[in-house]
Amino acid sequence: MTKTTRFAAAAVAALAAALPFAVAAQGAPAGNPVAGSQKTQMCAGCHGIEGWRTAYPEVYKVPKLGGQHQAYIVKALQAYKSGERTHPSMRAIAASLSDQDVADLAAYYAQTSVKTAAK
């Protein structure tokens, strides 16, 4: 096999491996950060309070969402919705969101920055 043939075979294999991800991405709705900014009420109650700690079902610091990767937020909300992630409050909130809501919220939080305390 020549170098050109090996390169072509590797390129075809790489494209074939990526095809399922491209198809999945085409089926996902595009997120609108402006629409997402109008859907943050349920998020802000915990994720929008500096230093907030939740006490149910256990005590932990609530993560900030601003500046988080869009794909991560989508994946996390889908995992709560499916039951793969089990936090009761987040499961209930995620269950109420459409795929478009998830995409919009992820787009909004991905474009906002994380705010830190000034020294």
Protein backbone atom coordinates (compact mmCIF):
# COMPACT_ATOMS: atom_id res chain seq x y z
CA MET A 1 0.00 0.00 0.00
CA THR A 2 1.41 3.40 -0.94
CA LYS A 3 1.51 6.43 1.35
CA THR A 4 -1.25 8.06 -0.70
CA THR A 5 -3.47 4.98 -0.41
CA ARG A 6 -2.87 4.74 3.36
CA PHE A 7 -3.66 8.45 3.75
CA ALA A 8 -6.86 8.10 1.70
CA ALA A 9 -7.93 5.05 3.71
CA ALA A 10 -7.27 6.88 6.98
CA ALA A 11 -9.22 9.91 5.77
CA VAL A 12 -12.21 7.78 4.78
CA ALA A 13 -12.11 5.98 8.13
CA ALA A 14 -11.99 9.29 10.01
CA LEU A 15 -14.94 10.67 8.06
CA ALA A 16 -16.93 7.49 8.62
CA ALA A 17 -16.23 7.65 12.35
CA ALA A 18 -17.36 11.29 12.52
CA LEU A 19 -20.57 10.77 10.55
CA PRO A 20 -22.78 9.74 13.52
CA PHE A 21 -21.75 12.90 15.39
CA ALA A 22 -22.52 15.11 12.39
CA VAL A 23 -25.94 13.52 11.96
CA ALA A 24 -26.71 13.94 15.67
CA ALA A 25 -25.67 17.58 15.57
CA GLN A 26 -27.97 18.24 12.61
CA GLY A 27 -30.97 16.97 14.58
CA ALA A 28 -30.31 19.26 17.55
CA PRO A 29 -31.97 22.67 17.53
CA ALA A 30 -29.75 25.72 17.27
CA GLY A 31 -29.58 27.70 20.50
CA ASN A 32 -30.64 31.34 20.62
CA PRO A 33 -28.91 33.23 23.46
CA VAL A 34 -31.49 36.05 23.36
CA ALA A 35 -34.32 33.56 23.82
CA GLY A 36 -32.25 31.77 26.46
CA SER A 37 -31.91 34.98 28.46
CA GLN A 38 -35.70 34.96 28.84
CA LYS A 39 -35.74 31.39 30.21
CA THR A 40 -33.31 31.66 33.14
CA GLN A 41 -35.78 32.14 36.01
CA MET A 42 -35.54 28.55 37.27
CA CYS A 43 -31.74 28.57 36.89
CA ALA A 44 -31.06 31.88 38.61
CA GLY A 45 -32.71 30.77 41.85
CA CYS A 46 -29.65 28.65 42.64
CA HIS A 47 -27.01 29.17 39.96
CA GLY A 48 -27.30 32.95 40.04
CA ILE A 49 -26.57 33.45 43.74
CA GLU A 50 -22.91 34.06 44.58
CA GLY A 51 -21.58 31.45 47.01
CA TRP A 52 -24.91 29.60 47.19
CA ARG A 53 -24.89 26.19 48.83
CA THR A 54 -27.80 23.84 48.60
CA ALA A 55 -28.89 21.63 51.48
CA TYR A 56 -31.00 19.14 49.52
CA PRO A 57 -30.34 16.32 49.01
CA GLU A 58 -26.85 17.12 50.39
CA VAL A 59 -24.80 20.25 51.06
CA TYR A 60 -22.59 21.39 48.18
CA LYS A 61 -21.69 24.56 46.33
CA VAL A 62 -23.90 25.21 43.33
CA PRO A 63 -21.80 25.65 40.17
CA LYS A 64 -21.93 28.84 38.15
CA LEU A 65 -23.21 28.44 34.60
CA GLY A 66 -21.82 31.60 32.98
CA GLY A 67 -18.98 30.84 30.61
CA GLN A 68 -19.59 27.08 30.66
CA HIS A 69 -19.26 25.26 27.33
CA GLN A 70 -22.54 25.11 25.44
CA ALA A 71 -22.24 21.41 24.59
CA TYR A 72 -21.57 20.57 28.25
CA ILE A 73 -24.73 22.38 29.41
CA VAL A 74 -26.83 20.60 26.78
CA LYS A 75 -25.37 17.21 27.74
CA ALA A 76 -25.85 17.85 31.47
CA LEU A 77 -29.49 18.91 31.07
CA GLN A 78 -30.19 15.93 28.83
CA ALA A 79 -28.63 13.66 31.47
CA TYR A 80 -30.86 15.14 34.20
CA LYS A 81 -33.89 14.80 31.95
CA SER A 82 -33.15 11.14 31.16
CA GLY A 83 -32.36 10.26 34.79
CA GLU A 84 -28.68 9.56 34.09
CA ARG A 85 -27.95 12.37 36.56
CA THR A 86 -30.12 12.07 39.65
CA HIS A 87 -30.33 15.39 41.52
CA PRO A 88 -34.07 15.63 42.26
CA SER A 89 -34.48 19.37 41.74
CA MET A 90 -32.47 19.40 38.52
CA ARG A 91 -34.35 16.35 37.21
CA ALA A 92 -37.67 18.14 37.74
CA ILE A 93 -36.45 21.33 36.09
CA ALA A 94 -34.85 19.53 33.13
CA ALA A 95 -38.00 17.45 32.62
CA SER A 96 -39.94 20.67 32.04
CA LEU A 97 -37.57 21.90 29.30
CA SER A 98 -38.02 21.28 25.59
CA ASP A 99 -34.99 20.54 23.40
CA GLN A 100 -35.24 24.14 22.15
CA ASP A 101 -35.27 25.48 25.73
CA VAL A 102 -32.13 23.45 26.52
CA ALA A 103 -30.36 24.74 23.40
CA ASP A 104 -31.37 28.35 24.14
CA LEU A 105 -30.24 28.19 27.78
CA ALA A 106 -26.94 26.59 26.80
CA ALA A 107 -26.34 29.27 24.16
CA TYR A 108 -27.11 32.02 26.68
CA TYR A 109 -24.90 30.73 29.48
CA ALA A 110 -22.04 29.89 27.10
CA GLN A 111 -21.85 33.52 25.97
CA THR A 112 -22.01 35.03 29.46
CA SER A 113 -18.89 35.34 31.53
CA VAL A 114 -18.20 34.00 34.98
CA LYS A 115 -18.22 36.82 37.50
CA THR A 116 -15.61 36.73 40.24
CA ALA A 117 -15.30 38.87 43.34
CA ALA A 118 -13.17 41.98 42.92
CA LYS A 119 -10.19 42.35 45.24
